[in-house]
C-alpha cells in the first residue's frame, strides 16, 4: 500500500482513527495520573501548612477545609484510576459510610477538645525548638504513638472489639476509611495528641503534623492504582494498606498509616513489589456485625464474645 492508499484508507475509516486516538489519550492521562497523583497531594499539603503558618490563617478552619479538599481529590482519583472497580461504594454503602463518617467526626472532635484543653495548660509560650525542627520531631513522635495504638487495636482483645469495626468491609476505599467505632477514634487520636501536648509541642507543630497525617490516612485507604516504588520503605501507601486489610494475617502487618519506618523497625513490614491481597475484610465475618448494622456495631464491644476475634495476631 503506497502513501496515497494509506491516506485514503485513513480517511475512509475516521471513526477507527478517533477510537484509537481516544484509547491512547486515555492511557496517557491515566499513566500521568498514576505518577503525579501522590506527589501533587504531598506538595499541596506542604503548601497549605506553610501558608497557614506564615500568613497566620485560622488553623481551626484550615484543618476541616483541607480534609474536605483531600476527600474530594481522592474520590475523583478513584473514578479516574481505580485499583478495583468493584470496590466502588454502592448507594447503600454510601449511606452507611456517611453515618460512620459523622460518628468519626464526633469522636475526633471529642479527642481534639481534650487535647486543646491540655495544650492550653501545658504548651510552652516559647517552644524549645524552632518550627523547622519541631515539626519533623512532632511528626516522628506522633507517628510512633499512632503505630503502637494501631497495633494494640489488633493485638489487645478488648481494643480489637472496637477497632475491628473498621475491618468489616470487604473492600478498601476512601469512603469507608471513616467506618470506625467512635470510641476507637477517641482513644487512638486522643492518646497520640495528648502525648504530643504533654511533651510540649506547640499548637502550630501539631497542626502541621495533623495535615500530613490526615492526607496520608485517607490516601493509603483510597481505591486508586498508584504505586510509589522504593518510597514504600519510608512512607505508607495504598499498596501496603490493602495488605493490612488482608484476610491472610501472615501479610496483614503495616500498622503505620503515615510512615512505614516503624513497620520495618518492629517487624510488621510485609510489602514487596507485586504483592496484593487475595481478599480483604475479616477472616471470620460472623465475629462482627455487618457494616450496615450500625447500632449493633456500636454496641458490639459490650456484648459477650461468642468466639475469639478473627483478626488479632
Protein backbone atom coordinates (compact mmCIF):
# COMPACT_ATOMS: atom_id res chain seq x y z
CA UNK A 1 0.00 0.00 0.00
CA UNK A 2 1.56 3.30 -1.13
CA UNK A 3 1.35 6.64 0.68
CA UNK A 4 -1.79 7.78 -1.15
CA UNK A 5 -3.57 4.50 -0.44
CA UNK A 6 -2.66 4.77 3.27
CA UNK A 7 -4.07 8.28 3.43
CA UNK A 8 -7.20 7.21 1.62
CA UNK A 9 -7.63 4.24 3.94
CA UNK A 10 -7.32 6.51 6.99
CA UNK A 11 -9.83 8.94 5.52
CA UNK A 12 -12.20 6.09 4.87
CA UNK A 13 -12.12 4.97 8.49
CA UNK A 14 -12.18 8.18 10.59
CA UNK A 15 -14.10 6.53 13.40
CA UNK A 16 -11.42 3.86 13.80
CA UNK A 17 -8.69 6.50 13.97
CA UNK A 18 -10.69 8.50 16.53
CA UNK A 19 -11.27 5.45 18.70
CA UNK A 20 -7.58 4.53 18.59
CA UNK A 21 -6.57 8.08 19.49
CA UNK A 22 -9.10 8.13 22.34
CA UNK A 23 -7.72 4.91 23.79
CA UNK A 24 -4.15 6.22 23.51
CA UNK A 25 -5.10 9.55 25.10
CA UNK A 26 -6.89 7.84 27.98
CA UNK A 27 -3.93 5.55 28.57
CA UNK A 28 -1.52 8.51 28.57
CA UNK A 29 -3.55 10.55 31.05
CA UNK A 30 -4.04 7.53 33.31
CA UNK A 31 -0.29 6.90 33.30
CA UNK A 32 0.41 10.55 34.16
CA UNK A 33 -2.13 10.49 36.98
CA UNK A 34 -0.65 7.33 38.48
CA UNK A 35 2.74 9.01 38.66
CA UNK A 36 1.71 12.54 39.62
CA UNK A 37 -1.25 11.97 41.98
CA UNK A 38 0.75 11.34 45.15
CA UNK A 39 3.49 13.99 44.67
CA UNK A 40 0.75 16.53 43.99
CA UNK A 41 -1.01 15.61 47.24
CA UNK A 42 2.23 15.95 49.21
CA UNK A 43 3.02 19.28 47.54
CA UNK A 44 -0.41 20.72 48.35
CA UNK A 45 -0.11 19.51 51.94
CA UNK A 46 3.21 21.32 52.37
CA UNK A 47 1.94 24.48 50.68
CA UNK A 48 -1.23 24.61 52.80
CA UNK A 49 0.74 24.02 56.00
CA UNK A 50 3.39 26.62 55.19
CA UNK A 51 0.85 29.21 54.04
CA UNK A 52 -1.29 28.72 57.13
CA UNK A 53 1.64 29.31 59.47
CA UNK A 54 3.32 32.13 57.54
CA UNK A 55 0.12 34.03 56.75
CA UNK A 56 -1.47 33.34 60.16
CA UNK A 57 -4.61 31.71 58.80
CA UNK A 58 -7.22 30.39 61.22
CA UNK A 59 -5.86 26.89 61.90
CA UNK A 60 -9.18 25.66 63.27
CA UNK A 61 -10.77 26.49 59.90
CA UNK A 62 -7.94 25.29 57.66
CA UNK A 63 -7.91 21.72 59.01
CA UNK A 64 -11.52 20.76 58.11
CA UNK A 65 -11.35 22.55 54.77
CA UNK A 66 -8.14 20.73 53.92
CA UNK A 67 -9.74 17.42 54.86
CA UNK A 68 -12.76 18.08 52.64
CA UNK A 69 -10.49 19.03 49.74
CA UNK A 70 -8.42 15.88 50.23
CA UNK A 71 -11.56 13.69 50.25
CA UNK A 72 -12.85 15.26 47.03
CA UNK A 73 -9.46 14.90 45.32
CA UNK A 74 -9.10 11.22 46.24
CA UNK A 75 -12.74 10.45 45.36
CA UNK A 76 -12.14 11.86 41.86
CA UNK A 77 -8.95 9.79 41.52
CA UNK A 78 -10.92 6.67 42.50
CA UNK A 79 -13.11 7.25 39.45
CA UNK A 80 -10.22 8.02 37.10
CA UNK A 81 -7.62 5.43 38.15
CA UNK A 82 -9.35 2.81 40.33
CA UNK A 83 -7.45 -0.15 41.71
CA UNK A 84 -10.60 -2.34 41.78
CA UNK A 85 -13.73 -1.08 40.03
CA UNK A 86 -15.93 -3.37 42.11
CA UNK A 87 -14.62 -1.65 45.27
CA UNK A 88 -16.61 1.50 44.48
CA UNK A 89 -19.27 2.05 47.17
CA UNK A 90 -22.84 1.11 46.33
CA UNK A 91 -25.69 3.53 47.06
CA UNK A 92 -26.50 1.71 50.31
CA UNK A 93 -22.82 1.77 51.34
CA UNK A 94 -22.61 5.50 50.73
CA UNK A 95 -25.49 5.88 53.20
CA UNK A 96 -23.78 3.75 55.85
CA UNK A 97 -20.38 5.33 55.30
CA UNK A 98 -21.86 8.80 55.67
CA UNK A 99 -23.27 7.96 59.10
CA UNK A 100 -19.98 6.42 60.22
CA UNK A 101 -18.10 9.48 58.93
CA UNK A 102 -20.27 11.73 61.08
CA UNK A 103 -19.62 9.50 64.11
CA UNK A 104 -15.89 9.54 63.37
CA UNK A 105 -16.00 13.33 63.14
CA UNK A 106 -17.71 13.47 66.55
CA UNK A 107 -15.03 11.18 68.00
CA UNK A 108 -12.27 13.32 66.52
CA UNK A 109 -13.89 16.46 67.92
CA UNK A 110 -14.09 14.93 71.41
CA UNK A 111 -10.45 13.90 71.25
CA UNK A 112 -9.48 17.34 69.96
CA UNK A 113 -11.42 19.06 72.74
CA UNK A 114 -9.43 17.13 75.34
CA UNK A 115 -6.16 17.89 73.61
CA UNK A 116 -6.93 21.56 73.11
CA UNK A 117 -7.70 21.93 76.81
CA UNK A 118 -4.44 20.29 77.82
CA UNK A 119 -2.39 22.16 75.21
CA UNK A 120 -3.67 25.44 76.57
CA UNK A 121 -2.44 24.48 80.04
CA UNK A 122 0.92 22.86 79.32
CA UNK A 123 2.23 24.15 75.98
CA UNK A 124 5.22 26.46 76.48
CA UNK A 125 4.88 30.07 75.42
CA UNK A 126 8.18 29.71 73.57
CA UNK A 127 8.88 26.18 72.28
CA UNK A 128 12.42 24.96 72.88
CA UNK A 129 12.84 24.23 69.16
CA UNK A 130 12.08 26.36 66.15
CA UNK A 131 9.18 25.20 63.97
CA UNK A 132 11.59 23.94 61.31
CA UNK A 133 12.96 21.38 63.78
CA UNK A 134 9.86 20.94 65.93
CA UNK A 135 7.53 19.82 63.12
CA UNK A 136 9.67 16.83 62.00
CA UNK A 137 10.17 15.75 65.63
CA UNK A 138 6.43 16.05 66.30
CA UNK A 139 5.71 14.02 63.16
CA UNK A 140 8.07 11.21 64.20
CA UNK A 141 6.75 11.20 67.76
CA UNK A 142 3.10 11.25 66.74
CA UNK A 143 3.66 8.62 64.06
CA UNK A 144 5.33 6.28 66.55
CA UNK A 145 2.49 6.74 69.04
CA UNK A 146 -0.09 6.14 66.31
CA UNK A 147 1.74 2.97 65.24
CA UNK A 148 1.59 1.48 68.73
CA UNK A 149 -2.04 2.47 69.30
CA UNK A 150 -3.00 0.88 65.98
CA UNK A 151 -1.03 -2.27 66.75
CA UNK A 152 -2.67 -2.50 70.17
CA UNK A 153 -6.02 -2.25 68.43
CA UNK A 154 -5.16 -5.51 66.66
CA UNK A 155 -3.41 -7.39 69.45
CA UNK A 156 -5.42 -6.43 72.53
CA UNK A 157 -8.74 -8.37 72.56
CA UNK A 158 -10.67 -5.54 74.23
CA UNK A 159 -9.38 -2.86 71.88
CA UNK A 160 -9.92 -5.15 68.89
CA UNK A 161 -13.64 -5.25 69.70
CA UNK A 162 -13.58 -1.52 68.97
CA UNK A 163 -11.11 -1.40 66.10
CA UNK A 164 -12.44 -4.50 64.32
CA UNK A 165 -15.47 -2.49 63.17
CA UNK A 166 -13.14 -0.79 60.70
CA UNK A 167 -12.09 -4.12 59.15
CA UNK A 168 -15.55 -5.50 58.43
CA UNK A 169 -15.94 -4.08 54.84
CA UNK A 170 -14.72 -6.40 52.10
CA UNK A 171 -13.37 -3.52 50.06
CA UNK A 172 -10.98 -0.65 50.78
CA UNK A 173 -11.83 2.84 49.56
CA UNK A 174 -11.64 6.44 50.69
CA UNK A 175 -15.30 6.47 51.78
CA UNK A 176 -15.06 3.58 54.24
CA UNK A 177 -11.94 4.98 55.89
CA UNK A 178 -14.49 6.63 58.17
CA UNK A 179 -16.05 3.31 59.20
CA UNK A 180 -14.89 3.26 62.82
CA UNK A 181 -16.25 2.81 66.31
CA UNK A 182 -16.48 6.28 67.81
CA UNK A 183 -14.61 5.18 70.97
CA UNK A 184 -11.79 3.76 68.86
CA UNK A 185 -11.25 7.22 67.40
CA UNK A 186 -11.45 8.94 70.78
CA UNK A 187 -8.90 6.57 72.35
CA UNK A 188 -6.48 6.37 69.41
CA UNK A 189 -6.41 10.03 68.42
CA UNK A 190 -6.77 11.30 71.96
CA UNK A 191 -3.83 9.23 73.23
CA UNK A 192 -1.50 10.33 70.43
CA UNK A 193 -2.39 14.00 70.50
CA UNK A 194 -2.40 14.12 74.29
CA UNK A 195 1.11 12.66 74.30
CA UNK A 196 2.26 15.39 71.93
CA UNK A 197 0.65 18.05 74.11
CA UNK A 198 2.18 16.72 77.33
CA UNK A 199 5.63 16.61 75.73
CA UNK A 200 5.17 20.28 74.99
CA UNK A 201 4.89 20.55 71.22
CA UNK A 202 3.36 23.82 70.07
CA UNK A 203 -0.09 24.12 68.53
CA UNK A 204 1.50 25.05 65.21
CA UNK A 205 3.64 21.93 65.01
CA UNK A 206 0.70 19.68 65.98
CA UNK A 207 -1.37 21.41 63.26
CA UNK A 208 1.28 20.85 60.58
CA UNK A 209 1.68 17.22 61.61
CA UNK A 210 -2.10 16.80 61.57
CA UNK A 211 -2.34 17.94 57.93
CA UNK A 212 0.19 15.31 56.85
CA UNK A 213 -1.44 12.58 58.93
CA UNK A 214 -4.90 13.40 57.52
CA UNK A 215 -3.65 13.41 53.92
CA UNK A 216 -1.76 10.15 54.42
CA UNK A 217 -4.58 8.45 56.33
CA UNK A 218 -7.07 8.94 53.51
CA UNK A 219 -4.51 8.42 50.74
CA UNK A 220 -3.49 4.95 51.97
CA UNK A 221 -7.16 3.94 52.17
CA UNK A 222 -8.01 5.15 48.67
CA UNK A 223 -9.05 2.70 45.95
CA UNK A 224 -6.53 4.11 43.46
CA UNK A 225 -3.98 2.39 41.25
CA UNK A 226 -0.93 4.30 42.48
CA UNK A 227 2.46 2.75 43.18
CA UNK A 228 5.22 4.68 44.93
CA UNK A 229 8.07 2.20 44.44
CA UNK A 230 11.04 2.48 46.84
CA UNK A 231 9.24 5.21 48.81
CA UNK A 232 7.20 2.36 50.30
CA UNK A 233 10.12 1.82 52.67
CA UNK A 234 9.66 5.32 54.13
CA UNK A 235 6.05 6.33 53.59
CA UNK A 236 2.83 4.34 53.89
CA UNK A 237 0.85 3.72 50.70
CA UNK A 238 -2.35 2.11 49.40
CA UNK A 239 -0.24 -0.88 48.35
CA UNK A 240 0.71 -1.51 51.97
CA UNK A 241 -2.64 -0.67 53.50
CA UNK A 242 -4.53 -3.11 51.29
CA UNK A 243 -2.25 -5.79 52.73
CA UNK A 244 -3.10 -4.52 56.21
CA UNK A 245 -6.77 -5.29 55.45
CA UNK A 246 -5.94 -8.74 54.04
CA UNK A 247 -7.79 -11.76 55.39
CA UNK A 248 -4.40 -13.53 55.40
CA UNK A 249 -2.87 -12.49 58.75
CA UNK A 250 0.61 -13.54 57.58
CA UNK A 251 0.70 -10.46 55.32
CA UNK A 252 -1.60 -8.16 57.31
CA UNK A 253 1.03 -6.03 59.05
CA UNK A 254 1.54 -2.35 58.20
CA UNK A 255 0.17 -0.60 61.26
CA UNK A 256 1.71 2.70 60.19
CA UNK A 257 -0.70 4.78 58.14
CA UNK A 258 1.67 7.70 57.59
CA UNK A 259 5.27 6.45 57.89
CA UNK A 260 6.35 2.87 57.16
CA UNK A 261 9.69 3.06 59.00
CA UNK A 262 8.10 1.77 62.23
CA UNK A 263 6.81 -1.33 60.45
CA UNK A 264 10.38 -2.01 59.33
CA UNK A 265 11.75 -1.40 62.81
CA UNK A 266 9.19 -3.56 64.63
CA UNK A 267 8.87 -6.39 62.13
CA UNK A 268 5.41 -5.73 60.67
CA UNK A 269 6.50 -4.74 57.15
CA UNK A 270 5.26 -7.34 54.63
CA UNK A 271 5.04 -5.44 51.33
CA UNK A 272 7.08 -6.38 48.30
CA UNK A 273 6.61 -5.27 44.68
CA UNK A 274 3.62 -7.01 43.15
CA UNK A 275 2.25 -8.40 46.41
CA UNK A 276 -1.52 -7.94 46.59
CA UNK A 277 -4.16 -9.39 48.94
CA UNK A 278 -6.42 -12.08 47.57
CA UNK A 279 -9.26 -10.77 49.74
CA UNK A 280 -9.79 -8.05 52.35
CA UNK A 281 -12.01 -7.96 55.41
CA UNK A 282 -12.34 -10.38 58.31
CA UNK A 283 -11.19 -13.98 58.26
CA UNK A 284 -14.39 -14.76 60.18
CA UNK A 285 -17.07 -12.26 59.06
CA UNK A 286 -19.51 -13.60 61.69
CA UNK A 287 -17.31 -12.26 64.52
CA UNK A 288 -18.62 -8.70 63.94
CA UNK A 289 -21.96 -7.25 62.79
CA UNK A 290 -22.20 -6.19 59.15
CA UNK A 291 -21.23 -2.59 58.42
CA UNK A 292 -24.84 -1.73 57.67
CA UNK A 293 -25.87 -2.79 61.18
CA UNK A 294 -24.65 0.48 62.66
CA UNK A 295 -26.27 0.27 66.09
CA UNK A 296 -25.17 -3.35 66.52
CA UNK A 297 -21.61 -2.34 65.57
CA UNK A 298 -21.60 0.43 68.19
CA UNK A 299 -22.91 -1.95 70.86
CA UNK A 300 -20.64 -4.83 69.84
CA UNK A 301 -17.81 -4.11 72.35
CA UNK A 302 -20.21 -4.59 75.27
CA UNK A 303 -21.70 -7.84 74.04
CA UNK A 304 -20.33 -11.15 75.29
CA UNK A 305 -17.87 -12.58 72.80
CA UNK A 306 -19.17 -15.84 71.34
CA UNK A 307 -15.76 -16.74 69.98
CA UNK A 308 -12.29 -15.15 69.83
CA UNK A 309 -11.95 -12.33 67.32
CA UNK A 310 -10.66 -13.38 63.93
CA UNK A 311 -8.17 -10.63 63.45
CA UNK A 312 -5.71 -10.01 66.34
CA UNK A 313 -2.30 -11.50 65.63
